[in-house]
Every structure is written in structure tokens, then in C-alpha cells.
Amino acid sequence: MKAIHITKSGGPEVLQLQETPKPQPERHQVLIKVKSAGINRSDINTRENMAAYGKGASGTLIPGLEVSGEIVEIGMAVKDKQVGDRVCALIPNGGYAEYVAVDSSHCLSIPEGISLIEAAAIPETVFTVWFNVFHLGQLKPGEKLLIHGGTSGIGTIGLQMAKALGSIVYSTVGSDKKMAFLNEMNLGTVINYKKQAFETLLKDEKIDVILDMVGGDYTQKNLDILNDKGRLININGMKSMSAQIDLFTVMRKNLTLTGSLLKPQSDHVKTMIAKAVEKNIWPLFSSKQIEPVIYKTFPLKEASEAHRLMETSTHIGKILLTMD
């Protein structure tokens, strides 16, 4: 099969298309003939620093954390899937390839009304939002959610999920074009942080949960606008992984600071998330209350160009690779 390999730490140019042995599914795995694969920031982090993010890979590594496609083979212990099933799946790596083997419990049927290509935009974003906003953050109907990076893949799906489940949503973006897009989707209050200070505009809103992928000096600003017993959840630090905060703010308002990385979670946790997502979120796709936002697709051989686009942060929604 053909697959994209990270040949060494570096820029997009280190992504190389190579002939690779087709994986064989283990007892609890299925083999998926990949139709499409999602691009995520984690892939860029891995590409830039194989030593830190590449699970100690001594050679090359196939990136990619989510795929969609058709099951073509099942392991001996698999009872819940069949050959021919059309699925999307969360995977630890290996998505930039024509085939991938994955634990059957991390695969979900394609939601009704979603195409096989579009479905690759769902697993990483939906799993991340569910685990962080609804599991760790315990967001409830009627509460207020702020997502920094509202037009990212996580932002576009997270705002839709929270709104559909009864929460009031807010977001920050970096351009008027992105602001107009979210306004067109009627996704709550949108702030262009390059023109207005979100911490000033939202200081009286009493936000209950904040999902932050920026870090740095956003951290104290987030704490300042949280409601009593508010929850700040960090999933990245694109501005900085270091932050200085006033602990009295945390104590005075009884705040919770937490965060997570989805990739290193155990198979058990990912299975738990998959079951919760299938029960609570999949019906929202079928009823058209939420939908994946696809910005652009690239053929597999142009993975380097897909990474270059993501690094510009000009995109809205997801960037995908297709195997056709």
C-alpha cells in the first residue's frame, strides 16, 4: 500500500509517500480500506519533533489520528463489526495510508447523511470535545461555553455540539472572514480578538466552561471571566505552554483548571468516549443539528501541501486527505 511517512523531524517537506506493507488486524482489530484521513495539529507537532511526539519511533512514522473508510477484514475476536461496514475511526497513528488496522471499539458507523469522505473530519474533533467539554468540563444545558479558535476543526464542531445540547456559546477568531462564517452558522457570540479584547467584552458574562488551545497570557484572562465554580480546560498551548496566574482568582471563585491530550489516552478511555459519542452526538448528525465543516481536501501524495495550509491558520474547519 501507499502511505505518507515522517522521514525525520522537520517541515512539511519531510512527509514522503512510500510503499509500505499492509497492516494485519490483530484479534480485536479491523482493517479499514481508507477513503479519507483528517489532518490535525497533533500531526504537525509529531512531524516537527519525532523524539518528543513520535512514541520513540526509531525510523519513520505514519501520522494521522482519524480516518473513514470500509472494513475489509476483521480479527478473530471481533463480534460488533462486519466486512463491508462503512465506518469512521479514532486511531493512535497511521491514518495517512491506504489501509489501517484499528481496535473495533474505536470505530463508529458513518452518521446518517454524512458522506464517507466527510466522516473523516469527525472522530478526533468530536472525541476531543466530548472528553474535554462534557466529561472533564461537565458542561450542562443552560451554561455558557467559550471556545478559543472557533473556526478550527474542534471549534466548529464543538460550538455546534454545545448549542445543540442546550448551552450558550461564545468564541474567538482571528479575522472578520472567520467571524462572518460563524455568524452565518448562528453560533452565538463571536469576537475578533485582533480587534477587541475578549476579556473586556466578556467580563460580565460569567462563562462556565472555557476550552482553550492558546495558553500563555490567555490563561489569567480566562480565569478572570469564568463564573464561580467555572472550569478552564486546556488542550494546547499554541501561544505558549507557560502561564503565570493569580492563585487567589482560583481560590476566590472556586475554579477548576484541567486539560488533556487525547492521543495518549488508554484504549479503555477511548472506547468509553466512543460509546458516549454514539449515544449522545450521533443522533445530532442525523437530525442535521450538527455537521462537519470541510475546508479543503488534498490527495494523499499532497500531504505536505495540506500541512502547509494548516500552518497558515487561514482555514475554517477541517483539512482532509483522500485516497482516490
C-alpha atoms as a PDB file:
ATOM      1  CA  MET A   1       0.000   0.000   0.000  1.00  0.00           C
ATOM      2  CA  LYS A   2       0.955   3.666  -0.274  1.00  0.00           C
ATOM      3  CA  ALA A   3       1.436   5.725   2.875  1.00  0.00           C
ATOM      4  CA  ILE A   4       2.872   9.066   3.951  1.00  0.00           C
ATOM      5  CA  HIS A   5       5.865   8.737   6.275  1.00  0.00           C
ATOM      6  CA  ILE A   6       7.511  11.318   8.517  1.00  0.00           C
ATOM      7  CA  THR A   7      11.094  10.578   7.487  1.00  0.00           C
ATOM      8  CA  LYS A   8      12.681  12.833  10.133  1.00  0.00           C
ATOM      9  CA  SER A   9      11.817  15.826  12.288  1.00  0.00           C
ATOM     10  CA  GLY A  10      11.292  18.949  10.211  1.00  0.00           C
ATOM     11  CA  GLY A  11       8.982  20.938   7.973  1.00  0.00           C
ATOM     12  CA  PRO A  12       6.280  19.686   5.597  1.00  0.00           C
ATOM     13  CA  GLU A  13       8.933  18.532   3.143  1.00  0.00           C
ATOM     14  CA  VAL A  14       9.845  15.581   5.420  1.00  0.00           C
ATOM     15  CA  LEU A  15       6.491  13.958   4.585  1.00  0.00           C
ATOM     16  CA  GLN A  16       7.230  11.359   1.912  1.00  0.00           C
ATOM     17  CA  LEU A  17       4.953   8.952   0.021  1.00  0.00           C
ATOM     18  CA  GLN A  18       6.338   5.410   0.295  1.00  0.00           C
ATOM     19  CA  GLU A  19       5.316   1.841  -0.464  1.00  0.00           C
ATOM     20  CA  THR A  20       4.516   0.214   2.872  1.00  0.00           C
ATOM     21  CA  PRO A  21       3.390  -3.282   3.959  1.00  0.00           C
ATOM     22  CA  LYS A  22      -0.344  -3.501   4.535  1.00  0.00           C
ATOM     23  CA  PRO A  23      -1.099  -3.921   8.265  1.00  0.00           C
ATOM     24  CA  GLN A  24      -2.679  -7.119   9.548  1.00  0.00           C
ATOM     25  CA  PRO A  25      -5.527  -6.785  12.064  1.00  0.00           C
ATOM     26  CA  GLU A  26      -4.984  -8.324  15.483  1.00  0.00           C
ATOM     27  CA  ARG A  27      -7.707 -10.277  17.306  1.00  0.00           C
ATOM     28  CA  HIS A  28      -9.708  -7.230  18.407  1.00  0.00           C
ATOM     29  CA  GLN A  29      -8.958  -5.088  15.361  1.00  0.00           C
ATOM     30  CA  VAL A  30     -10.492  -4.445  11.973  1.00  0.00           C
ATOM     31  CA  LEU A  31      -8.673  -3.500   8.763  1.00  0.00           C
ATOM     32  CA  ILE A  32     -10.063  -0.386   7.116  1.00  0.00           C
ATOM     33  CA  LYS A  33      -9.579   0.483   3.450  1.00  0.00           C
ATOM     34  CA  VAL A  34      -9.195   4.219   3.991  1.00  0.00           C
ATOM     35  CA  LYS A  35     -11.258   6.657   1.975  1.00  0.00           C
ATOM     36  CA  SER A  36     -10.183   9.838   3.769  1.00  0.00           C
ATOM     37  CA  ALA A  37      -7.986  10.947   6.666  1.00  0.00           C
ATOM     38  CA  GLY A  38      -8.159  14.062   8.829  1.00  0.00           C
ATOM     39  CA  ILE A  39      -5.266  16.479   9.356  1.00  0.00           C
ATOM     40  CA  ASN A  40      -4.723  17.627  12.955  1.00  0.00           C
ATOM     41  CA  ARG A  41      -2.329  19.938  14.818  1.00  0.00           C
ATOM     42  CA  SER A  42      -1.011  16.886  16.622  1.00  0.00           C
ATOM     43  CA  ASP A  43       0.276  15.595  13.274  1.00  0.00           C
ATOM     44  CA  ILE A  44       2.298  18.780  12.854  1.00  0.00           C
ATOM     45  CA  ASN A  45       3.683  18.516  16.389  1.00  0.00           C
ATOM     46  CA  THR A  46       4.752  14.931  15.677  1.00  0.00           C
ATOM     47  CA  ARG A  47       6.332  15.906  12.363  1.00  0.00           C
ATOM     48  CA  GLU A  48       8.292  18.763  13.930  1.00  0.00           C
ATOM     49  CA  ASN A  49       9.604  16.735  16.860  1.00  0.00           C
ATOM     50  CA  MET A  50       9.648  12.982  16.358  1.00  0.00           C
ATOM     51  CA  ALA A  51      11.658  12.427  19.541  1.00  0.00           C
ATOM     52  CA  ALA A  52       9.010  14.033  21.760  1.00  0.00           C
ATOM     53  CA  TYR A  53       5.828  13.044  19.942  1.00  0.00           C
ATOM     54  CA  GLY A  54       6.722  10.036  17.826  1.00  0.00           C
ATOM     55  CA  LYS A  55       6.348   7.400  20.563  1.00  0.00           C
ATOM     56  CA  GLY A  56      10.078   6.779  20.393  1.00  0.00           C
ATOM     57  CA  ALA A  57       9.949   5.683  16.754  1.00  0.00           C
ATOM     58  CA  SER A  58      13.447   4.696  15.663  1.00  0.00           C
ATOM     59  CA  GLY A  59      12.648   5.034  11.964  1.00  0.00           C
ATOM     60  CA  THR A  60       9.836   6.653  10.039  1.00  0.00           C
ATOM     61  CA  LEU A  61       6.289   7.097  11.304  1.00  0.00           C
ATOM     62  CA  ILE A  62       2.932   7.254   9.521  1.00  0.00           C
ATOM     63  CA  PRO A  63       0.934  10.141  11.039  1.00  0.00           C
ATOM     64  CA  GLY A  64      -2.845  10.503  11.148  1.00  0.00           C
ATOM     65  CA  LEU A  65      -5.307  10.173  14.041  1.00  0.00           C
ATOM     66  CA  GLU A  66      -8.663   9.744  12.264  1.00  0.00           C
ATOM     67  CA  VAL A  67      -9.935   8.032   9.146  1.00  0.00           C
ATOM     68  CA  SER A  68     -13.065   6.988   7.333  1.00  0.00           C
ATOM     69  CA  GLY A  69     -13.468   4.016   5.036  1.00  0.00           C
ATOM     70  CA  GLU A  70     -14.759   0.479   4.608  1.00  0.00           C
ATOM     71  CA  ILE A  71     -13.895  -2.545   6.730  1.00  0.00           C
ATOM     72  CA  VAL A  72     -12.248  -5.199   4.527  1.00  0.00           C
ATOM     73  CA  GLU A  73     -11.053  -7.662   7.186  1.00  0.00           C
ATOM     74  CA  ILE A  74     -11.865  -8.405  10.841  1.00  0.00           C
ATOM     75  CA  GLY A  75      -9.874 -10.009  13.650  1.00  0.00           C
ATOM     76  CA  MET A  76     -10.889 -13.342  15.140  1.00  0.00           C
ATOM     77  CA  ALA A  77     -12.373 -11.809  18.316  1.00  0.00           C
ATOM     78  CA  VAL A  78     -14.386  -9.040  16.629  1.00  0.00           C
ATOM     79  CA  LYS A  79     -18.136  -9.532  17.042  1.00  0.00           C
ATOM     80  CA  ASP A  80     -19.533  -5.998  16.633  1.00  0.00           C
ATOM     81  CA  LYS A  81     -18.341  -5.240  13.086  1.00  0.00           C
ATOM     82  CA  GLN A  82     -18.568  -6.918   9.681  1.00  0.00           C
ATOM     83  CA  VAL A  83     -16.684  -6.789   6.409  1.00  0.00           C
ATOM     84  CA  GLY A  84     -18.315  -4.101   4.287  1.00  0.00           C
ATOM     85  CA  ASP A  85     -19.243  -1.795   7.167  1.00  0.00           C
ATOM     86  CA  ARG A  86     -18.633   1.876   6.409  1.00  0.00           C
ATOM     87  CA  VAL A  87     -17.025   3.461   9.450  1.00  0.00           C
ATOM     88  CA  CYS A  88     -15.003   6.329  10.821  1.00  0.00           C
ATOM     89  CA  ALA A  89     -12.395   5.685  13.479  1.00  0.00           C
ATOM     90  CA  LEU A  90     -10.067   7.255  16.005  1.00  0.00           C
ATOM     91  CA  ILE A  91      -6.560   5.810  15.711  1.00  0.00           C
ATOM     92  CA  PRO A  92      -3.243   6.356  17.565  1.00  0.00           C
ATOM     93  CA  ASN A  93      -1.336   6.910  14.289  1.00  0.00           C
ATOM     94  CA  GLY A  94      -1.151   5.545  10.743  1.00  0.00           C
ATOM     95  CA  GLY A  95      -4.054   7.391   9.129  1.00  0.00           C
ATOM     96  CA  TYR A  96      -2.155   8.827   6.148  1.00  0.00           C
ATOM     97  CA  ALA A  97      -2.309   5.461   4.376  1.00  0.00           C
ATOM     98  CA  GLU A  98      -4.485   3.354   2.109  1.00  0.00           C
ATOM     99  CA  TYR A  99      -5.149   0.829   4.898  1.00  0.00           C
ATOM    100  CA  VAL A 100      -5.097   0.987   8.691  1.00  0.00           C
ATOM    101  CA  ALA A 101      -5.769  -1.559  11.456  1.00  0.00           C
ATOM    102  CA  VAL A 102      -7.708  -0.263  14.461  1.00  0.00           C
ATOM    103  CA  ASP A 103      -9.458  -1.543  17.587  1.00  0.00           C
ATOM    104  CA  SER A 104     -13.036  -2.335  16.551  1.00  0.00           C
ATOM    105  CA  SER A 105     -14.425  -0.483  19.596  1.00  0.00           C
ATOM    106  CA  HIS A 106     -12.876   2.763  18.315  1.00  0.00           C
ATOM    107  CA  CYS A 107     -14.860   2.539  15.062  1.00  0.00           C
ATOM    108  CA  LEU A 108     -18.302   4.050  14.633  1.00  0.00           C
ATOM    109  CA  SER A 109     -20.783   3.688  11.790  1.00  0.00           C
ATOM    110  CA  ILE A 110     -20.989   6.695   9.484  1.00  0.00           C
ATOM    111  CA  PRO A 111     -23.756   9.001  10.742  1.00  0.00           C
ATOM    112  CA  GLU A 112     -26.808   9.182   8.515  1.00  0.00           C
ATOM    113  CA  GLY A 113     -26.495  11.975   5.938  1.00  0.00           C
ATOM    114  CA  ILE A 114     -22.683  12.217   6.184  1.00  0.00           C
ATOM    115  CA  SER A 115     -20.570  11.161   3.191  1.00  0.00           C
ATOM    116  CA  LEU A 116     -17.710   8.707   3.535  1.00  0.00           C
ATOM    117  CA  ILE A 117     -15.160  11.462   2.865  1.00  0.00           C
ATOM    118  CA  GLU A 118     -16.782  13.954   5.267  1.00  0.00           C
ATOM    119  CA  ALA A 119     -16.804  11.341   8.035  1.00  0.00           C
ATOM    120  CA  ALA A 120     -13.015  11.548   8.381  1.00  0.00           C
ATOM    121  CA  ALA A 121     -13.497  15.043   9.847  1.00  0.00           C
ATOM    122  CA  ILE A 122     -15.486  13.717  12.801  1.00  0.00           C
ATOM    123  CA  PRO A 123     -13.605  11.353  15.170  1.00  0.00           C
ATOM    124  CA  GLU A 124     -10.732  13.473  16.514  1.00  0.00           C
ATOM    125  CA  THR A 125     -12.829  16.614  16.893  1.00  0.00           C
ATOM    126  CA  VAL A 126     -15.938  15.034  18.385  1.00  0.00           C
ATOM    127  CA  PHE A 127     -13.980  12.747  20.729  1.00  0.00           C
ATOM    128  CA  THR A 128     -11.826  15.694  21.891  1.00  0.00           C
ATOM    129  CA  VAL A 129     -14.807  17.955  22.537  1.00  0.00           C
ATOM    130  CA  TRP A 130     -16.830  15.282  24.298  1.00  0.00           C
ATOM    131  CA  PHE A 131     -13.984  14.204  26.579  1.00  0.00           C
ATOM    132  CA  ASN A 132     -12.902  17.727  27.493  1.00  0.00           C
ATOM    133  CA  VAL A 133     -16.046  19.860  27.443  1.00  0.00           C
ATOM    134  CA  PHE A 134     -18.679  17.371  28.542  1.00  0.00           C
ATOM    135  CA  HIS A 135     -16.710  14.763  30.537  1.00  0.00           C
ATOM    136  CA  LEU A 136     -13.984  16.820  32.214  1.00  0.00           C
ATOM    137  CA  GLY A 137     -15.764  20.185  31.995  1.00  0.00           C
ATOM    138  CA  GLN A 138     -19.223  18.822  32.861  1.00  0.00           C
ATOM    139  CA  LEU A 139     -20.947  21.422  30.644  1.00  0.00           C
ATOM    140  CA  LYS A 140     -24.682  21.438  31.326  1.00  0.00           C
ATOM    141  CA  PRO A 141     -27.648  22.789  29.327  1.00  0.00           C
ATOM    142  CA  GLY A 142     -28.087  26.495  30.000  1.00  0.00           C
ATOM    143  CA  GLU A 143     -24.423  27.008  30.888  1.00  0.00           C
ATOM    144  CA  LYS A 144     -22.081  29.214  28.884  1.00  0.00           C
ATOM    145  CA  LEU A 145     -19.159  27.829  26.843  1.00  0.00           C
ATOM    146  CA  LEU A 146     -16.304  29.827  25.318  1.00  0.00           C
ATOM    147  CA  ILE A 147     -14.057  28.190  22.711  1.00  0.00           C
ATOM    148  CA  HIS A 148     -10.875  29.948  21.619  1.00  0.00           C
ATOM    149  CA  GLY A 149     -10.221  29.149  17.962  1.00  0.00           C
ATOM    150  CA  GLY A 150     -13.870  28.980  16.981  1.00  0.00           C
ATOM    151  CA  THR A 151     -13.222  28.198  13.305  1.00  0.00           C
ATOM    152  CA  SER A 152     -10.765  25.366  13.944  1.00  0.00           C
ATOM    153  CA  GLY A 153     -11.954  21.826  13.361  1.00  0.00           C
ATOM    154  CA  ILE A 154     -12.547  21.452  17.094  1.00  0.00           C
ATOM    155  CA  GLY A 155     -14.136  24.888  17.333  1.00  0.00           C
ATOM    156  CA  THR A 156     -16.652  24.463  14.524  1.00  0.00           C
ATOM    157  CA  ILE A 157     -17.883  21.092  15.764  1.00  0.00           C
ATOM    158  CA  GLY A 158     -17.631  21.969  19.473  1.00  0.00           C
ATOM    159  CA  LEU A 159     -19.780  25.087  19.145  1.00  0.00           C
ATOM    160  CA  GLN A 160     -22.405  23.120  17.233  1.00  0.00           C
ATOM    161  CA  MET A 161     -22.406  20.287  19.780  1.00  0.00           C
ATOM    162  CA  ALA A 162     -22.765  22.614  22.760  1.00  0.00           C
ATOM    163  CA  LYS A 163     -25.501  24.677  21.132  1.00  0.00           C
ATOM    164  CA  ALA A 164     -27.454  21.557  20.088  1.00  0.00           C
ATOM    165  CA  LEU A 165     -27.247  20.245  23.658  1.00  0.00           C
ATOM    166  CA  GLY A 166     -28.635  23.454  25.108  1.00  0.00           C
ATOM    167  CA  SER A 167     -25.667  25.618  26.042  1.00  0.00           C
ATOM    168  CA  ILE A 168     -24.973  29.280  25.204  1.00  0.00           C
ATOM    169  CA  VAL A 169     -21.839  29.547  23.056  1.00  0.00           C
ATOM    170  CA  TYR A 170     -19.092  32.135  22.590  1.00  0.00           C
ATOM    171  CA  SER A 171     -15.889  32.016  20.548  1.00  0.00           C
ATOM    172  CA  THR A 172     -12.831  33.985  19.491  1.00  0.00           C
ATOM    173  CA  VAL A 173     -11.419  34.115  15.958  1.00  0.00           C
ATOM    174  CA  GLY A 174      -8.635  35.983  14.187  1.00  0.00           C
ATOM    175  CA  SER A 175     -10.355  37.593  11.189  1.00  0.00           C
ATOM    176  CA  ASP A 176     -13.586  39.218  10.060  1.00  0.00           C
ATOM    177  CA  LYS A 177     -13.998  36.427   7.481  1.00  0.00           C
ATOM    178  CA  LYS A 178     -13.954  33.798  10.214  1.00  0.00           C
ATOM    179  CA  MET A 179     -16.290  35.907  12.341  1.00  0.00           C
ATOM    180  CA  ALA A 180     -18.752  36.183   9.433  1.00  0.00           C
ATOM    181  CA  PHE A 181     -18.647  32.421   8.890  1.00  0.00           C
ATOM    182  CA  LEU A 182     -19.643  31.606  12.476  1.00  0.00           C
ATOM    183  CA  ASN A 183     -22.287  34.338  12.449  1.00  0.00           C
ATOM    184  CA  GLU A 184     -23.730  32.796   9.280  1.00  0.00           C
ATOM    185  CA  MET A 185     -23.952  29.473  11.132  1.00  0.00           C
ATOM    186  CA  ASN A 186     -25.674  31.291  14.027  1.00  0.00           C
ATOM    187  CA  LEU A 187     -23.130  30.028  16.535  1.00  0.00           C
ATOM    188  CA  GLY A 188     -23.508  32.530  19.328  1.00  0.00           C
ATOM    189  CA  THR A 189     -21.303  35.499  20.170  1.00  0.00           C
ATOM    190  CA  VAL A 190     -18.109  35.738  18.093  1.00  0.00           C
ATOM    191  CA  ILE A 191     -15.179  38.040  18.909  1.00  0.00           C
ATOM    192  CA  ASN A 192     -12.325  39.011  16.587  1.00  0.00           C
ATOM    193  CA  TYR A 193      -9.515  39.013  19.147  1.00  0.00           C
ATOM    194  CA  LYS A 194      -7.302  41.085  16.844  1.00  0.00           C
ATOM    195  CA  LYS A 195      -9.753  43.977  17.106  1.00  0.00           C
ATOM    196  CA  GLN A 196     -11.365  43.561  20.520  1.00  0.00           C
ATOM    197  CA  ALA A 197     -10.190  42.190  23.869  1.00  0.00           C
ATOM    198  CA  PHE A 198     -12.314  39.162  24.684  1.00  0.00           C
ATOM    199  CA  GLU A 199     -11.630  39.540  28.405  1.00  0.00           C
ATOM    200  CA  THR A 200     -13.153  43.034  28.310  1.00  0.00           C
ATOM    201  CA  LEU A 201     -16.203  42.125  26.245  1.00  0.00           C
ATOM    202  CA  LEU A 202     -16.961  39.028  28.314  1.00  0.00           C
ATOM    203  CA  LYS A 203     -16.070  40.281  31.788  1.00  0.00           C
ATOM    204  CA  ASP A 204     -19.722  40.365  32.893  1.00  0.00           C
ATOM    205  CA  GLU A 205     -20.912  37.242  31.049  1.00  0.00           C
ATOM    206  CA  LYS A 206     -19.911  34.731  33.768  1.00  0.00           C
ATOM    207  CA  ILE A 207     -18.643  31.992  31.443  1.00  0.00           C
ATOM    208  CA  ASP A 208     -18.988  28.493  32.921  1.00  0.00           C
ATOM    209  CA  VAL A 209     -16.570  26.487  30.747  1.00  0.00           C
ATOM    210  CA  ILE A 210     -13.667  27.607  28.545  1.00  0.00           C
ATOM    211  CA  LEU A 211     -11.938  25.327  26.030  1.00  0.00           C
ATOM    212  CA  ASP A 212      -8.533  26.870  25.321  1.00  0.00           C
ATOM    213  CA  MET A 213      -5.908  25.859  22.779  1.00  0.00           C
ATOM    214  CA  VAL A 214      -3.924  29.132  23.044  1.00  0.00           C
ATOM    215  CA  GLY A 215      -2.357  29.115  26.515  1.00  0.00           C
ATOM    216  CA  GLY A 216       0.172  31.735  27.592  1.00  0.00           C
ATOM    217  CA  ASP A 217      -1.323  35.015  28.798  1.00  0.00           C
ATOM    218  CA  TYR A 218      -4.808  33.837  27.823  1.00  0.00           C
ATOM    219  CA  THR A 219      -4.788  31.727  30.988  1.00  0.00           C
ATOM    220  CA  GLN A 220      -5.269  34.511  33.538  1.00  0.00           C
ATOM    221  CA  LYS A 221      -7.693  36.305  31.216  1.00  0.00           C
ATOM    222  CA  ASN A 222      -9.738  33.087  31.083  1.00  0.00           C
ATOM    223  CA  LEU A 223      -9.747  32.792  34.862  1.00  0.00           C
ATOM    224  CA  ASP A 224     -10.900  36.398  35.203  1.00  0.00           C
ATOM    225  CA  ILE A 225     -14.046  35.881  33.101  1.00  0.00           C
ATOM    226  CA  LEU A 226     -15.058  32.489  34.495  1.00  0.00           C
ATOM    227  CA  ASN A 227     -18.168  32.203  36.627  1.00  0.00           C
ATOM    228  CA  ASP A 228     -17.916  30.929  40.194  1.00  0.00           C
ATOM    229  CA  LYS A 229     -17.123  27.198  40.018  1.00  0.00           C
ATOM    230  CA  GLY A 230     -16.103  27.689  36.383  1.00  0.00           C
ATOM    231  CA  ARG A 231     -13.910  25.200  34.525  1.00  0.00           C
ATOM    232  CA  LEU A 232     -10.907  26.031  32.332  1.00  0.00           C
ATOM    233  CA  ILE A 233      -9.804  23.181  30.065  1.00  0.00           C
ATOM    234  CA  ASN A 234      -6.528  23.400  28.134  1.00  0.00           C
ATOM    235  CA  ILE A 235      -5.904  21.193  25.091  1.00  0.00           C
ATOM    236  CA  ASN A 236      -2.949  23.036  23.543  1.00  0.00           C
ATOM    237  CA  GLY A 237      -0.656  25.999  24.081  1.00  0.00           C
ATOM    238  CA  MET A 238      -0.180  27.437  20.606  1.00  0.00           C
ATOM    239  CA  LYS A 239       0.883  30.782  22.068  1.00  0.00           C
ATOM    240  CA  SER A 240       2.847  29.356  24.994  1.00  0.00           C
ATOM    241  CA  MET A 241       2.815  26.311  27.246  1.00  0.00           C
ATOM    242  CA  SER A 242       3.879  28.519  30.161  1.00  0.00           C
ATOM    243  CA  ALA A 243       1.485  30.746  32.102  1.00  0.00           C
ATOM    244  CA  GLN A 244       1.554  32.946  35.186  1.00  0.00           C
ATOM    245  CA  ILE A 245      -1.688  33.085  37.147  1.00  0.00           C
ATOM    246  CA  ASP A 246      -3.134  34.677  40.269  1.00  0.00           C
ATOM    247  CA  LEU A 247      -3.998  31.783  42.561  1.00  0.00           C
ATOM    248  CA  PHE A 248      -6.340  33.987  44.557  1.00  0.00           C
ATOM    249  CA  THR A 249      -8.615  34.156  41.498  1.00  0.00           C
ATOM    250  CA  VAL A 250      -8.800  30.367  41.526  1.00  0.00           C
ATOM    251  CA  MET A 251      -9.491  30.171  45.250  1.00  0.00           C
ATOM    252  CA  ARG A 252     -11.917  33.084  45.415  1.00  0.00           C
ATOM    253  CA  LYS A 253     -14.110  31.705  42.643  1.00  0.00           C
ATOM    254  CA  ASN A 254     -13.576  28.002  43.376  1.00  0.00           C
ATOM    255  CA  LEU A 255     -12.334  27.373  39.853  1.00  0.00           C
ATOM    256  CA  THR A 256     -11.171  24.149  38.224  1.00  0.00           C
ATOM    257  CA  LEU A 257      -8.143  24.105  35.892  1.00  0.00           C
ATOM    258  CA  THR A 258      -7.641  20.945  33.892  1.00  0.00           C
ATOM    259  CA  GLY A 259      -6.737  19.694  30.446  1.00  0.00           C
ATOM    260  CA  SER A 260      -5.890  16.609  28.460  1.00  0.00           C
ATOM    261  CA  LEU A 261      -4.261  15.044  25.436  1.00  0.00           C
ATOM    262  CA  LEU A 262      -6.497  12.627  23.555  1.00  0.00           C
ATOM    263  CA  LYS A 263      -3.790  10.682  21.718  1.00  0.00           C
ATOM    264  CA  PRO A 264      -2.174   9.019  24.789  1.00  0.00           C
ATOM    265  CA  GLN A 265      -5.472   8.067  26.446  1.00  0.00           C
ATOM    266  CA  SER A 266      -5.882   4.336  27.055  1.00  0.00           C
ATOM    267  CA  ASP A 267      -7.902   2.088  24.755  1.00  0.00           C
ATOM    268  CA  HIS A 268     -10.438   1.750  27.575  1.00  0.00           C
ATOM    269  CA  VAL A 269     -10.961   5.522  27.779  1.00  0.00           C
ATOM    270  CA  LYS A 270     -11.279   5.840  24.001  1.00  0.00           C
ATOM    271  CA  THR A 271     -13.867   3.056  23.977  1.00  0.00           C
ATOM    272  CA  MET A 272     -15.782   4.859  26.733  1.00  0.00           C
ATOM    273  CA  ILE A 273     -15.733   8.081  24.685  1.00  0.00           C
ATOM    274  CA  ALA A 274     -16.859   6.236  21.547  1.00  0.00           C
ATOM    275  CA  LYS A 275     -19.895   4.792  23.331  1.00  0.00           C
ATOM    276  CA  ALA A 276     -20.866   8.172  24.790  1.00  0.00           C
ATOM    277  CA  VAL A 277     -20.441   9.919  21.442  1.00  0.00           C
ATOM    278  CA  GLU A 278     -22.521   7.315  19.607  1.00  0.00           C
ATOM    279  CA  LYS A 279     -25.316   7.684  22.148  1.00  0.00           C
ATOM    280  CA  ASN A 280     -25.340  11.462  22.599  1.00  0.00           C
ATOM    281  CA  ILE A 281     -23.845  13.026  19.457  1.00  0.00           C
ATOM    282  CA  TRP A 282     -24.530  10.697  16.525  1.00  0.00           C
ATOM    283  CA  PRO A 283     -28.297  11.465  16.572  1.00  0.00           C
ATOM    284  CA  LEU A 284     -27.451  15.172  16.188  1.00  0.00           C
ATOM    285  CA  PHE A 285     -25.780  14.453  12.845  1.00  0.00           C
ATOM    286  CA  SER A 286     -28.827  12.504  11.650  1.00  0.00           C
ATOM    287  CA  SER A 287     -31.167  15.341  12.679  1.00  0.00           C
ATOM    288  CA  LYS A 288     -28.900  17.905  10.932  1.00  0.00           C
ATOM    289  CA  GLN A 289     -28.313  19.838  14.150  1.00  0.00           C
ATOM    290  CA  ILE A 290     -24.571  19.484  13.615  1.00  0.00           C
ATOM    291  CA  GLU A 291     -22.416  18.857  10.558  1.00  0.00           C
ATOM    292  CA  PRO A 292     -18.691  18.622   9.831  1.00  0.00           C
ATOM    293  CA  VAL A 293     -17.145  21.725   8.255  1.00  0.00           C
ATOM    294  CA  ILE A 294     -14.694  20.780   5.483  1.00  0.00           C
ATOM    295  CA  TYR A 295     -12.327  23.477   4.235  1.00  0.00           C
ATOM    296  CA  LYS A 296     -10.292  21.613   1.627  1.00  0.00           C
ATOM    297  CA  THR A 297      -9.295  18.114   0.556  1.00  0.00           C
ATOM    298  CA  PHE A 298      -5.923  17.027  -0.834  1.00  0.00           C
ATOM    299  CA  PRO A 299      -4.875  13.747  -2.466  1.00  0.00           C
ATOM    300  CA  LEU A 300      -2.640  11.604  -0.248  1.00  0.00           C
ATOM    301  CA  LYS A 301       0.508  12.473  -2.209  1.00  0.00           C
ATOM    302  CA  GLU A 302      -0.011  16.178  -1.385  1.00  0.00           C
ATOM    303  CA  ALA A 303       0.109  15.752   2.405  1.00  0.00           C
ATOM    304  CA  SER A 304       2.940  18.299   2.577  1.00  0.00           C
ATOM    305  CA  GLU A 305       0.695  20.943   0.994  1.00  0.00           C
ATOM    306  CA  ALA A 306      -2.092  20.084   3.440  1.00  0.00           C
ATOM    307  CA  HIS A 307       0.319  20.661   6.344  1.00  0.00           C
ATOM    308  CA  ARG A 308       1.479  23.966   4.875  1.00  0.00           C
ATOM    309  CA  LEU A 309      -2.127  25.127   4.689  1.00  0.00           C
ATOM    310  CA  MET A 310      -2.832  24.150   8.296  1.00  0.00           C
ATOM    311  CA  GLU A 311       0.258  26.020   9.469  1.00  0.00           C
ATOM    312  CA  THR A 312      -1.126  29.273   7.987  1.00  0.00           C
ATOM    313  CA  SER A 313      -4.204  29.020  10.267  1.00  0.00           C
ATOM    314  CA  THR A 314      -6.271  30.615   7.485  1.00  0.00           C
ATOM    315  CA  HIS A 315      -8.553  27.603   7.105  1.00  0.00           C
ATOM    316  CA  ILE A 316     -12.066  27.248   8.512  1.00  0.00           C
ATOM    317  CA  GLY A 317     -12.963  23.760   9.670  1.00  0.00           C
ATOM    318  CA  LYS A 318     -11.152  20.560   8.682  1.00  0.00           C
ATOM    319  CA  ILE A 319      -8.484  19.743   6.110  1.00  0.00           C
ATOM    320  CA  LEU A 320      -8.627  16.183   4.732  1.00  0.00           C
ATOM    321  CA  LEU A 321      -6.539  13.771   2.690  1.00  0.00           C
ATOM    322  CA  THR A 322      -8.321  11.481   0.215  1.00  0.00           C
ATOM    323  CA  MET A 323      -7.057   8.185  -1.144  1.00  0.00           C
ATOM    324  CA  ASP A 324      -8.568   8.470  -4.652  1.00  0.00           C
END
